C-alpha atoms as a PDB file:
ATOM      1  CA  UNK A   1       0.000   0.000   0.000  1.00  0.00           C
ATOM      2  CA  UNK A   2       2.858   2.392   0.904  1.00  0.00           C
ATOM      3  CA  UNK A   3       6.568   2.325   0.180  1.00  0.00           C
ATOM      4  CA  UNK A   4       9.055   1.434   2.937  1.00  0.00           C
ATOM      5  CA  UNK A   5      10.184   5.074   3.281  1.00  0.00           C
ATOM      6  CA  UNK A   6       6.602   6.322   3.523  1.00  0.00           C
ATOM      7  CA  UNK A   7       5.718   3.716   6.152  1.00  0.00           C
ATOM      8  CA  UNK A   8       8.688   4.787   8.275  1.00  0.00           C
ATOM      9  CA  UNK A   9       7.530   8.416   8.119  1.00  0.00           C
ATOM     10  CA  UNK A  10       3.941   7.436   9.002  1.00  0.00           C
ATOM     11  CA  UNK A  11       5.020   5.467  12.056  1.00  0.00           C
ATOM     12  CA  UNK A  12       7.474   8.062  13.324  1.00  0.00           C
ATOM     13  CA  UNK A  13       4.608  10.550  12.958  1.00  0.00           C
ATOM     14  CA  UNK A  14       2.315   8.305  15.020  1.00  0.00           C
ATOM     15  CA  UNK A  15       5.022   7.904  17.643  1.00  0.00           C
ATOM     16  CA  UNK A  16       5.597  11.663  17.711  1.00  0.00           C
ATOM     17  CA  UNK A  17       1.864  12.293  18.118  1.00  0.00           C
ATOM     18  CA  UNK A  18       1.734   9.835  21.021  1.00  0.00           C
ATOM     19  CA  UNK A  19       4.744  11.433  22.753  1.00  0.00           C
ATOM     20  CA  UNK A  20       3.297  14.936  22.327  1.00  0.00           C
ATOM     21  CA  UNK A  21      -0.141  13.971  23.656  1.00  0.00           C
ATOM     22  CA  UNK A  22       1.472  12.149  26.578  1.00  0.00           C
ATOM     23  CA  UNK A  23       3.645  15.151  27.449  1.00  0.00           C
ATOM     24  CA  UNK A  24       0.602  17.443  27.429  1.00  0.00           C
ATOM     25  CA  UNK A  25      -2.022  15.205  29.027  1.00  0.00           C
ATOM     26  CA  UNK A  26       0.036  13.274  31.548  1.00  0.00           C
ATOM     27  CA  UNK A  27       2.228  16.355  31.927  1.00  0.00           C
ATOM     28  CA  UNK A  28      -0.499  18.400  33.570  1.00  0.00           C
ATOM     29  CA  UNK A  29      -1.561  15.628  35.956  1.00  0.00           C
ATOM     30  CA  UNK A  30       2.072  14.971  36.893  1.00  0.00           C
ATOM     31  CA  UNK A  31       2.322  18.715  37.449  1.00  0.00           C
ATOM     32  CA  UNK A  32      -0.674  18.642  39.775  1.00  0.00           C
ATOM     33  CA  UNK A  33       1.024  15.837  41.715  1.00  0.00           C
ATOM     34  CA  UNK A  34       4.273  17.812  41.930  1.00  0.00           C
ATOM     35  CA  UNK A  35       2.416  20.853  43.271  1.00  0.00           C
ATOM     36  CA  UNK A  36       0.303  18.845  45.743  1.00  0.00           C
ATOM     37  CA  UNK A  37       0.454  20.618  49.141  1.00  0.00           C
ATOM     38  CA  UNK A  38       1.172  18.313  52.072  1.00  0.00           C
ATOM     39  CA  UNK A  39      -0.169  20.690  54.722  1.00  0.00           C
ATOM     40  CA  UNK A  40      -3.588  21.494  53.245  1.00  0.00           C
ATOM     41  CA  UNK A  41      -5.958  18.536  53.036  1.00  0.00           C
ATOM     42  CA  UNK A  42      -8.792  20.484  51.423  1.00  0.00           C
ATOM     43  CA  UNK A  43      -6.637  21.805  48.565  1.00  0.00           C
ATOM     44  CA  UNK A  44      -5.051  18.373  48.105  1.00  0.00           C
ATOM     45  CA  UNK A  45      -8.485  16.783  47.715  1.00  0.00           C
ATOM     46  CA  UNK A  46      -9.578  19.418  45.194  1.00  0.00           C
ATOM     47  CA  UNK A  47      -6.374  19.044  43.181  1.00  0.00           C
ATOM     48  CA  UNK A  48      -6.633  15.261  43.060  1.00  0.00           C
ATOM     49  CA  UNK A  49     -10.298  15.569  42.099  1.00  0.00           C
ATOM     50  CA  UNK A  50      -9.379  17.823  39.159  1.00  0.00           C
ATOM     51  CA  UNK A  51      -7.381  15.015  37.527  1.00  0.00           C
ATOM     52  CA  UNK A  52      -9.439  12.097  38.846  1.00  0.00           C
ATOM     53  CA  UNK A  53     -11.426  11.300  35.691  1.00  0.00           C
ATOM     54  CA  UNK A  54      -8.431  11.676  33.350  1.00  0.00           C
ATOM     55  CA  UNK A  55      -5.060  10.748  34.830  1.00  0.00           C
ATOM     56  CA  UNK A  56      -5.141   6.994  34.227  1.00  0.00           C
ATOM     57  CA  UNK A  57      -6.220   7.286  30.593  1.00  0.00           C
ATOM     58  CA  UNK A  58      -3.570   9.945  29.951  1.00  0.00           C
ATOM     59  CA  UNK A  59      -0.848   7.319  30.395  1.00  0.00           C
ATOM     60  CA  UNK A  60      -2.292   5.361  27.459  1.00  0.00           C
ATOM     61  CA  UNK A  61      -0.286   7.594  25.145  1.00  0.00           C
ATOM     62  CA  UNK A  62       2.981   6.550  26.806  1.00  0.00           C
ATOM     63  CA  UNK A  63       2.112   2.914  26.178  1.00  0.00           C
ATOM     64  CA  UNK A  64       1.250   3.783  22.585  1.00  0.00           C
ATOM     65  CA  UNK A  65       4.546   5.628  22.015  1.00  0.00           C
ATOM     66  CA  UNK A  66       6.679   2.829  23.458  1.00  0.00           C
ATOM     67  CA  UNK A  67       4.649   0.222  21.581  1.00  0.00           C
ATOM     68  CA  UNK A  68       5.160   1.980  18.240  1.00  0.00           C
ATOM     69  CA  UNK A  69       8.886   2.338  18.948  1.00  0.00           C
ATOM     70  CA  UNK A  70       9.185  -1.375  19.771  1.00  0.00           C
ATOM     71  CA  UNK A  71       7.168  -2.668  16.838  1.00  0.00           C
ATOM     72  CA  UNK A  72       8.056  -0.187  14.101  1.00  0.00           C
ATOM     73  CA  UNK A  73      11.665   0.658  15.041  1.00  0.00           C
ATOM     74  CA  UNK A  74      12.991  -2.386  16.975  1.00  0.00           C
ATOM     75  CA  UNK A  75      16.712  -1.606  16.612  1.00  0.00           C
ATOM     76  CA  UNK A  76      16.180   1.943  17.914  1.00  0.00           C
ATOM     77  CA  UNK A  77      14.100   0.574  20.796  1.00  0.00           C
ATOM     78  CA  UNK A  78      16.932  -1.780  21.763  1.00  0.00           C
ATOM     79  CA  UNK A  79      19.544   0.988  21.587  1.00  0.00           C
ATOM     80  CA  UNK A  80      17.503   3.504  23.577  1.00  0.00           C
ATOM     81  CA  UNK A  81      16.428   1.006  26.250  1.00  0.00           C
ATOM     82  CA  UNK A  82      20.040  -0.150  26.688  1.00  0.00           C
ATOM     83  CA  UNK A  83      21.163   3.444  27.254  1.00  0.00           C
ATOM     84  CA  UNK A  84      18.227   4.429  29.478  1.00  0.00           C
ATOM     85  CA  UNK A  85      17.508   1.229  31.386  1.00  0.00           C
ATOM     86  CA  UNK A  86      17.858   2.746  34.879  1.00  0.00           C
ATOM     87  CA  UNK A  87      15.809   5.945  34.313  1.00  0.00           C
ATOM     88  CA  UNK A  88      13.121   3.868  32.544  1.00  0.00           C
ATOM     89  CA  UNK A  89      12.963   1.549  35.570  1.00  0.00           C
ATOM     90  CA  UNK A  90      12.685   4.577  37.882  1.00  0.00           C
ATOM     91  CA  UNK A  91       9.903   5.980  35.692  1.00  0.00           C
ATOM     92  CA  UNK A  92       7.919   2.737  35.887  1.00  0.00           C
ATOM     93  CA  UNK A  93       8.339   2.534  39.668  1.00  0.00           C
ATOM     94  CA  UNK A  94       7.226   6.163  39.998  1.00  0.00           C
ATOM     95  CA  UNK A  95       4.123   5.608  37.852  1.00  0.00           C
ATOM     96  CA  UNK A  96       3.207   2.512  39.882  1.00  0.00           C
ATOM     97  CA  UNK A  97       3.675   4.470  43.118  1.00  0.00           C
ATOM     98  CA  UNK A  98       1.383   7.204  41.782  1.00  0.00           C
ATOM     99  CA  UNK A  99      -1.311   4.701  40.833  1.00  0.00           C
ATOM    100  CA  UNK A 100      -1.254   2.970  44.202  1.00  0.00           C
ATOM    101  CA  UNK A 101      -1.206   6.250  46.128  1.00  0.00           C
ATOM    102  CA  UNK A 102      -4.076   7.709  44.105  1.00  0.00           C
ATOM    103  CA  UNK A 103      -6.462   4.916  45.093  1.00  0.00           C
ATOM    104  CA  UNK A 104      -5.203   4.311  48.617  1.00  0.00           C
ATOM    105  CA  UNK A 105      -5.363   7.969  49.689  1.00  0.00           C
ATOM    106  CA  UNK A 106      -9.135   7.944  49.183  1.00  0.00           C
ATOM    107  CA  UNK A 107      -9.813   4.588  50.820  1.00  0.00           C
ATOM    108  CA  UNK A 108      -7.241   4.701  53.617  1.00  0.00           C
ATOM    109  CA  UNK A 109      -7.974   5.807  57.164  1.00  0.00           C
ATOM    110  CA  UNK A 110      -7.845   9.601  57.545  1.00  0.00           C
ATOM    111  CA  UNK A 111      -4.682   9.452  59.661  1.00  0.00           C
ATOM    112  CA  UNK A 112      -2.871   7.616  56.824  1.00  0.00           C
ATOM    113  CA  UNK A 113      -3.969   9.939  54.026  1.00  0.00           C
ATOM    114  CA  UNK A 114      -0.984  12.264  54.482  1.00  0.00           C
ATOM    115  CA  UNK A 115       1.340   9.324  53.814  1.00  0.00           C
ATOM    116  CA  UNK A 116      -0.334   8.554  50.488  1.00  0.00           C
ATOM    117  CA  UNK A 117      -0.309  12.235  49.544  1.00  0.00           C
ATOM    118  CA  UNK A 118       3.465  12.178  50.032  1.00  0.00           C
ATOM    119  CA  UNK A 119       3.715   8.997  47.969  1.00  0.00           C
ATOM    120  CA  UNK A 120       1.699  10.566  45.143  1.00  0.00           C
ATOM    121  CA  UNK A 121       3.881  13.679  45.207  1.00  0.00           C
ATOM    122  CA  UNK A 122       7.133  11.692  45.294  1.00  0.00           C
ATOM    123  CA  UNK A 123       5.937   9.487  42.422  1.00  0.00           C
ATOM    124  CA  UNK A 124       5.055  12.560  40.368  1.00  0.00           C
ATOM    125  CA  UNK A 125       8.424  14.231  40.989  1.00  0.00           C
ATOM    126  CA  UNK A 126      10.382  11.055  40.210  1.00  0.00           C
ATOM    127  CA  UNK A 127       8.414  10.475  37.003  1.00  0.00           C
ATOM    128  CA  UNK A 128       9.076  14.020  35.795  1.00  0.00           C
ATOM    129  CA  UNK A 129      12.767  13.909  36.753  1.00  0.00           C
ATOM    130  CA  UNK A 130      13.323  10.596  34.976  1.00  0.00           C
ATOM    131  CA  UNK A 131      11.575  11.805  31.822  1.00  0.00           C
ATOM    132  CA  UNK A 132      13.623  15.003  31.814  1.00  0.00           C
ATOM    133  CA  UNK A 133      16.838  13.054  32.344  1.00  0.00           C
ATOM    134  CA  UNK A 134      15.999  10.808  29.394  1.00  0.00           C
ATOM    135  CA  UNK A 135      15.241  13.845  27.227  1.00  0.00           C
ATOM    136  CA  UNK A 136      18.601  15.372  28.166  1.00  0.00           C
ATOM    137  CA  UNK A 137      20.486  12.178  27.326  1.00  0.00           C
ATOM    138  CA  UNK A 138      18.640  11.977  24.011  1.00  0.00           C
ATOM    139  CA  UNK A 139      19.598  15.543  23.082  1.00  0.00           C
ATOM    140  CA  UNK A 140      23.224  14.840  24.083  1.00  0.00           C
ATOM    141  CA  UNK A 141      23.304  11.782  21.810  1.00  0.00           C
ATOM    142  CA  UNK A 142      23.605   9.375  24.781  1.00  0.00           C
ATOM    143  CA  UNK A 143      27.176  10.468  25.453  1.00  0.00           C
ATOM    144  CA  UNK A 144      28.788   9.148  28.648  1.00  0.00           C
ATOM    145  CA  UNK A 145      30.508  12.288  29.892  1.00  0.00           C
ATOM    146  CA  UNK A 146      30.106  14.531  32.901  1.00  0.00           C
ATOM    147  CA  UNK A 147      28.785  17.295  30.639  1.00  0.00           C
ATOM    148  CA  UNK A 148      26.089  14.966  29.320  1.00  0.00           C
ATOM    149  CA  UNK A 149      25.079  13.803  32.787  1.00  0.00           C
ATOM    150  CA  UNK A 150      25.041  17.369  34.117  1.00  0.00           C
ATOM    151  CA  UNK A 151      22.901  18.621  31.251  1.00  0.00           C
ATOM    152  CA  UNK A 152      20.531  15.658  31.653  1.00  0.00           C
ATOM    153  CA  UNK A 153      20.156  16.432  35.363  1.00  0.00           C
ATOM    154  CA  UNK A 154      19.335  20.059  34.543  1.00  0.00           C
ATOM    155  CA  UNK A 155      16.925  18.818  31.871  1.00  0.00           C
ATOM    156  CA  UNK A 156      15.200  16.750  34.551  1.00  0.00           C
ATOM    157  CA  UNK A 157      14.654  19.879  36.634  1.00  0.00           C
ATOM    158  CA  UNK A 158      13.431  21.679  33.514  1.00  0.00           C
ATOM    159  CA  UNK A 159      10.776  19.030  32.868  1.00  0.00           C
ATOM    160  CA  UNK A 160       9.674  19.231  36.517  1.00  0.00           C
ATOM    161  CA  UNK A 161       9.215  22.985  36.010  1.00  0.00           C
ATOM    162  CA  UNK A 162       7.404  22.492  32.683  1.00  0.00           C
ATOM    163  CA  UNK A 163       4.995  19.931  34.122  1.00  0.00           C
ATOM    164  CA  UNK A 164       4.413  22.156  37.159  1.00  0.00           C
ATOM    165  CA  UNK A 165       3.674  25.002  34.755  1.00  0.00           C
ATOM    166  CA  UNK A 166       1.047  23.189  32.712  1.00  0.00           C
ATOM    167  CA  UNK A 167      -0.328  21.562  35.877  1.00  0.00           C
ATOM    168  CA  UNK A 168      -0.763  24.954  37.547  1.00  0.00           C
ATOM    169  CA  UNK A 169      -2.448  26.314  34.398  1.00  0.00           C
ATOM    170  CA  UNK A 170      -4.795  23.309  34.520  1.00  0.00           C
ATOM    171  CA  UNK A 171      -5.695  24.183  38.121  1.00  0.00           C
ATOM    172  CA  UNK A 172      -6.329  27.814  37.151  1.00  0.00           C
ATOM    173  CA  UNK A 173      -8.878  26.523  34.656  1.00  0.00           C
ATOM    174  CA  UNK A 174     -10.455  23.840  36.867  1.00  0.00           C
ATOM    175  CA  UNK A 175     -10.455  25.389  40.345  1.00  0.00           C
ATOM    176  CA  UNK A 176     -12.031  28.368  42.067  1.00  0.00           C
ATOM    177  CA  UNK A 177     -11.400  30.731  44.967  1.00  0.00           C
ATOM    178  CA  UNK A 178      -8.326  30.344  47.139  1.00  0.00           C
ATOM    179  CA  UNK A 179      -6.905  27.375  45.263  1.00  0.00           C
ATOM    180  CA  UNK A 180      -7.188  29.192  41.930  1.00  0.00           C
ATOM    181  CA  UNK A 181      -5.317  32.198  43.329  1.00  0.00           C
ATOM    182  CA  UNK A 182      -2.589  29.904  44.624  1.00  0.00           C
ATOM    183  CA  UNK A 183      -2.433  28.158  41.249  1.00  0.00           C
ATOM    184  CA  UNK A 184      -1.839  31.472  39.468  1.00  0.00           C
ATOM    185  CA  UNK A 185       1.204  32.084  41.699  1.00  0.00           C
ATOM    186  CA  UNK A 186       2.500  28.570  41.025  1.00  0.00           C
ATOM    187  CA  UNK A 187       1.984  29.051  37.281  1.00  0.00           C
ATOM    188  CA  UNK A 188       3.892  32.336  37.159  1.00  0.00           C
ATOM    189  CA  UNK A 189       6.866  30.945  39.097  1.00  0.00           C
ATOM    190  CA  UNK A 190       6.973  27.664  37.183  1.00  0.00           C
ATOM    191  CA  UNK A 191       6.559  29.530  33.885  1.00  0.00           C
ATOM    192  CA  UNK A 192       9.732  31.506  34.489  1.00  0.00           C
ATOM    193  CA  UNK A 193      11.725  28.377  35.312  1.00  0.00           C
ATOM    194  CA  UNK A 194      10.225  26.663  32.259  1.00  0.00           C
ATOM    195  CA  UNK A 195      11.300  29.558  30.051  1.00  0.00           C
ATOM    196  CA  UNK A 196      14.866  29.255  31.359  1.00  0.00           C
ATOM    197  CA  UNK A 197      14.782  25.518  30.614  1.00  0.00           C
ATOM    198  CA  UNK A 198      13.516  26.046  27.065  1.00  0.00           C
ATOM    199  CA  UNK A 199      16.150  28.719  26.513  1.00  0.00           C
ATOM    200  CA  UNK A 200      18.912  26.422  27.822  1.00  0.00           C
ATOM    201  CA  UNK A 201      17.903  23.571  25.504  1.00  0.00           C
ATOM    202  CA  UNK A 202      17.632  26.002  22.582  1.00  0.00           C
ATOM    203  CA  UNK A 203      21.220  27.142  23.190  1.00  0.00           C
ATOM    204  CA  UNK A 204      22.842  23.802  24.039  1.00  0.00           C
ATOM    205  CA  UNK A 205      21.192  21.739  21.299  1.00  0.00           C
ATOM    206  CA  UNK A 206      22.741  23.571  18.303  1.00  0.00           C
ATOM    207  CA  UNK A 207      26.075  24.068  20.112  1.00  0.00           C
ATOM    208  CA  UNK A 208      26.662  20.342  20.658  1.00  0.00           C
ATOM    209  CA  UNK A 209      25.119  19.195  17.363  1.00  0.00           C
ATOM    210  CA  UNK A 210      26.728  20.824  14.298  1.00  0.00           C
ATOM    211  CA  UNK A 211      24.013  19.398  12.040  1.00  0.00           C
ATOM    212  CA  UNK A 212      21.331  21.024  14.195  1.00  0.00           C
ATOM    213  CA  UNK A 213      23.194  24.339  14.096  1.00  0.00           C
ATOM    214  CA  UNK A 214      23.410  24.140  10.316  1.00  0.00           C
ATOM    215  CA  UNK A 215      19.744  23.256  10.019  1.00  0.00           C
ATOM    216  CA  UNK A 216      18.534  26.176  12.152  1.00  0.00           C
ATOM    217  CA  UNK A 217      20.966  28.930  11.211  1.00  0.00           C
ATOM    218  CA  UNK A 218      21.486  28.419   7.485  1.00  0.00           C
ATOM    219  CA  UNK A 219      19.580  30.495   4.952  1.00  0.00           C
ATOM    220  CA  UNK A 220      16.664  30.535   4.319  1.00  0.00           C
ATOM    221  CA  UNK A 221      15.851  28.357   7.370  1.00  0.00           C
ATOM    222  CA  UNK A 222      16.820  30.983   9.923  1.00  0.00           C
ATOM    223  CA  UNK A 223      14.308  33.418   8.392  1.00  0.00           C
ATOM    224  CA  UNK A 224      11.537  30.847   8.068  1.00  0.00           C
ATOM    225  CA  UNK A 225      12.056  29.385  11.561  1.00  0.00           C
ATOM    226  CA  UNK A 226      12.607  32.603  13.520  1.00  0.00           C
ATOM    227  CA  UNK A 227       8.854  33.017  14.242  1.00  0.00           C
ATOM    228  CA  UNK A 228       8.823  29.690  16.144  1.00  0.00           C
ATOM    229  CA  UNK A 229      11.047  30.704  19.121  1.00  0.00           C
ATOM    230  CA  UNK A 230       9.711  34.263  18.931  1.00  0.00           C
ATOM    231  CA  UNK A 231       6.113  33.052  19.225  1.00  0.00           C
ATOM    232  CA  UNK A 232       7.112  30.756  22.098  1.00  0.00           C
ATOM    233  CA  UNK A 233       8.629  33.718  23.993  1.00  0.00           C
ATOM    234  CA  UNK A 234       5.525  35.823  23.315  1.00  0.00           C
ATOM    235  CA  UNK A 235       3.281  33.062  24.675  1.00  0.00           C
ATOM    236  CA  UNK A 236       5.280  32.891  27.920  1.00  0.00           C
ATOM    237  CA  UNK A 237       4.954  36.663  28.259  1.00  0.00           C
ATOM    238  CA  UNK A 238       1.217  36.790  27.468  1.00  0.00           C
ATOM    239  CA  UNK A 239       0.383  33.997  29.898  1.00  0.00           C
ATOM    240  CA  UNK A 240       2.429  35.619  32.674  1.00  0.00           C
ATOM    241  CA  UNK A 241       0.724  38.993  32.173  1.00  0.00           C
ATOM    242  CA  UNK A 242      -2.698  37.345  32.058  1.00  0.00           C
ATOM    243  CA  UNK A 243      -2.052  35.361  35.232  1.00  0.00           C
ATOM    244  CA  UNK A 244      -0.991  38.550  37.008  1.00  0.00           C
ATOM    245  CA  UNK A 245      -4.415  40.078  36.313  1.00  0.00           C
ATOM    246  CA  UNK A 246      -6.505  37.065  37.285  1.00  0.00           C
ATOM    247  CA  UNK A 247      -9.123  36.259  38.405  1.00  0.00           C
ATOM    248  CA  UNK A 248     -11.376  38.025  35.935  1.00  0.00           C
ATOM    249  CA  UNK A 249     -15.068  38.712  36.407  1.00  0.00           C
ATOM    250  CA  UNK A 250     -17.124  35.506  36.253  1.00  0.00           C
ATOM    251  CA  UNK A 251     -13.839  33.599  35.795  1.00  0.00           C
ATOM    252  CA  UNK A 252     -13.644  34.536  32.115  1.00  0.00           C
ATOM    253  CA  UNK A 253     -10.481  33.565  30.242  1.00  0.00           C
ATOM    254  CA  UNK A 254      -9.420  31.031  32.894  1.00  0.00           C
ATOM    255  CA  UNK A 255      -8.789  28.530  30.080  1.00  0.00           C
ATOM    256  CA  UNK A 256      -6.316  30.725  28.180  1.00  0.00           C
ATOM    257  CA  UNK A 257      -3.197  29.917  30.302  1.00  0.00           C
ATOM    258  CA  UNK A 258      -3.736  26.173  29.857  1.00  0.00           C
ATOM    259  CA  UNK A 259      -4.258  26.474  26.101  1.00  0.00           C
ATOM    260  CA  UNK A 260      -1.205  28.736  25.909  1.00  0.00           C
ATOM    261  CA  UNK A 261       0.886  26.157  27.790  1.00  0.00           C
ATOM    262  CA  UNK A 262      -0.280  23.478  25.330  1.00  0.00           C
ATOM    263  CA  UNK A 263       0.849  25.683  22.439  1.00  0.00           C
ATOM    264  CA  UNK A 264       4.262  26.145  24.089  1.00  0.00           C
ATOM    265  CA  UNK A 265       4.624  22.363  24.450  1.00  0.00           C
ATOM    266  CA  UNK A 266       3.596  21.964  20.803  1.00  0.00           C
ATOM    267  CA  UNK A 267       6.139  24.515  19.570  1.00  0.00           C
ATOM    268  CA  UNK A 268       8.973  23.031  21.643  1.00  0.00           C
ATOM    269  CA  UNK A 269       8.165  19.514  20.459  1.00  0.00           C
ATOM    270  CA  UNK A 270       8.135  20.589  16.834  1.00  0.00           C
ATOM    271  CA  UNK A 271      11.424  22.407  17.326  1.00  0.00           C
ATOM    272  CA  UNK A 272      13.053  19.220  18.625  1.00  0.00           C
ATOM    273  CA  UNK A 273      11.487  17.140  15.854  1.00  0.00           C
ATOM    274  CA  UNK A 274      12.811  19.521  13.201  1.00  0.00           C
ATOM    275  CA  UNK A 275      16.256  19.459  14.819  1.00  0.00           C
ATOM    276  CA  UNK A 276      16.717  15.700  14.609  1.00  0.00           C
ATOM    277  CA  UNK A 277      14.537  14.387  11.763  1.00  0.00           C
ATOM    278  CA  UNK A 278      15.133  11.890  10.149  1.00  0.00           C
ATOM    279  CA  UNK A 279      17.312  10.563  13.010  1.00  0.00           C
ATOM    280  CA  UNK A 280      15.449   8.506  15.564  1.00  0.00           C
ATOM    281  CA  UNK A 281      18.661   8.237  17.608  1.00  0.00           C
ATOM    282  CA  UNK A 282      20.510  11.545  17.109  1.00  0.00           C
ATOM    283  CA  UNK A 283      23.625  11.120  14.997  1.00  0.00           C
ATOM    284  CA  UNK A 284      23.422   7.332  15.044  1.00  0.00           C
ATOM    285  CA  UNK A 285      20.267   5.770  13.552  1.00  0.00           C
ATOM    286  CA  UNK A 286      17.760   7.159  11.057  1.00  0.00           C
ATOM    287  CA  UNK A 287      14.130   6.106  10.896  1.00  0.00           C
ATOM    288  CA  UNK A 288      14.780   4.233   7.653  1.00  0.00           C
ATOM    289  CA  UNK A 289      17.672   2.283   9.147  1.00  0.00           C
ATOM    290  CA  UNK A 290      15.645   1.363  12.227  1.00  0.00           C
ATOM    291  CA  UNK A 291      12.318   0.599  10.523  1.00  0.00           C
ATOM    292  CA  UNK A 292      10.922  -2.928  10.590  1.00  0.00           C
ATOM    293  CA  UNK A 293      10.140  -4.828   7.404  1.00  0.00           C
ATOM    294  CA  UNK A 294       7.616  -3.034   5.140  1.00  0.00           C
ATOM    295  CA  UNK A 295       5.334  -6.101   5.229  1.00  0.00           C
ATOM    296  CA  UNK A 296       5.184  -5.927   9.033  1.00  0.00           C
ATOM    297  CA  UNK A 297       4.579  -2.180   9.052  1.00  0.00           C
ATOM    298  CA  UNK A 298       1.805  -2.491   6.455  1.00  0.00           C
ATOM    299  CA  UNK A 299       0.041  -5.090   8.597  1.00  0.00           C
ATOM    300  CA  UNK A 300       0.468  -3.112  11.822  1.00  0.00           C
ATOM    301  CA  UNK A 301      -0.806   0.054  10.155  1.00  0.00           C
ATOM    302  CA  UNK A 302      -4.303  -1.421   9.871  1.00  0.00           C
ATOM    303  CA  UNK A 303      -4.384  -1.950  13.643  1.00  0.00           C
ATOM    304  CA  UNK A 304      -3.088   1.562  14.271  1.00  0.00           C
ATOM    305  CA  UNK A 305      -5.774   3.014  11.993  1.00  0.00           C
ATOM    306  CA  UNK A 306      -8.388   1.309  14.172  1.00  0.00           C
ATOM    307  CA  UNK A 307      -6.919   1.804  17.648  1.00  0.00           C
ATOM    308  CA  UNK A 308      -5.664   5.402  17.554  1.00  0.00           C
ATOM    309  CA  UNK A 309      -8.980   6.987  16.405  1.00  0.00           C
ATOM    310  CA  UNK A 310     -10.748   5.033  19.173  1.00  0.00           C
ATOM    311  CA  UNK A 311      -8.350   6.368  21.809  1.00  0.00           C
ATOM    312  CA  UNK A 312      -8.700   9.897  20.444  1.00  0.00           C
ATOM    313  CA  UNK A 313     -12.504   9.608  20.435  1.00  0.00           C
ATOM    314  CA  UNK A 314     -12.567   8.347  24.014  1.00  0.00           C
ATOM    315  CA  UNK A 315     -10.205  11.121  25.126  1.00  0.00           C
ATOM    316  CA  UNK A 316     -12.343  13.829  23.549  1.00  0.00           C
ATOM    317  CA  UNK A 317     -15.535  12.287  24.979  1.00  0.00           C
ATOM    318  CA  UNK A 318     -14.148  12.011  28.531  1.00  0.00           C
ATOM    319  CA  UNK A 319     -13.006  15.639  28.546  1.00  0.00           C
ATOM    320  CA  UNK A 320     -16.384  16.705  27.208  1.00  0.00           C
ATOM    321  CA  UNK A 321     -18.231  14.805  29.935  1.00  0.00           C
ATOM    322  CA  UNK A 322     -16.073  16.107  32.790  1.00  0.00           C
ATOM    323  CA  UNK A 323     -15.626  19.653  31.477  1.00  0.00           C
ATOM    324  CA  UNK A 324     -16.132  22.553  33.862  1.00  0.00           C
ATOM    325  CA  UNK A 325     -15.041  23.250  37.403  1.00  0.00           C
ATOM    326  CA  UNK A 326     -13.917  20.431  39.657  1.00  0.00           C
ATOM    327  CA  UNK A 327     -16.388  18.650  41.888  1.00  0.00           C
ATOM    328  CA  UNK A 328     -15.550  16.501  44.887  1.00  0.00           C
ATOM    329  CA  UNK A 329     -14.023  13.132  43.937  1.00  0.00           C
ATOM    330  CA  UNK A 330     -16.046  10.252  45.398  1.00  0.00           C
ATOM    331  CA  UNK A 331     -15.866   6.453  45.309  1.00  0.00           C
ATOM    332  CA  UNK A 332     -19.101   4.509  45.654  1.00  0.00           C
END
């Protein structure tokens, strides 16, 4: 049906879509977990309730991304997993800890709830740190040097800030009153740290990768691509100014910071994709070198064409059903 080169592009596109949706959707609920206050039970309950109907399904996109990588690009999957075995293991442990804590905090005795709140927060922080570390190692080409490890550690902190940013913007949209005011302060602080992280990656990436530097700063690319970082900076500024003026009358425009954060994530993701395409492992393996046999990809594509629209439809439906301000989370 499609040529081998076209199939490789289709599947790397599906994997990219899955990674982007995971970063946005699970990013905000990880951010809520990172921001979870341990000394305010009422705010903790409201924050957990805001992600209650969504958080578990959000992780579906991580499974989808890893599944596509394994099936469509097996050699790249083996290389990446070999390099990132420990942070991947930490990520899985953190996600399990979050899942257990989420359910147990509601059903446990009141005196034990603080313990599960801490577990949920720790799981969220560890998950974000491990993902940021893996992103840093990916950008550095999986080099084993102190510079690479240092940058990956800073990247981990940057992802914690980014997830806190989109999580706080989610709370601005979903909460009211005192919690919403607190969320606006969290969003402004996290937004500034996120901007520093984006700026650091934007500087380091072309400096350590000559091919990336050439791609971004050669003519006419530098003229065509200049609006992308400029628009990203403008979005950070607009959201910060808007948050400073909130809340507005009748809570109007409370959704704008969250949508703006999504756009920032989208722009950053596309910037990274443009930097490395067609490499699936920077400087080492291209998507065409890593792609499985065309016959296998053609067969798998039929399943992807069925499964992915179903997941998208369910996601849209669930957000439509639970749209609006957060209500108390209850188990019956």
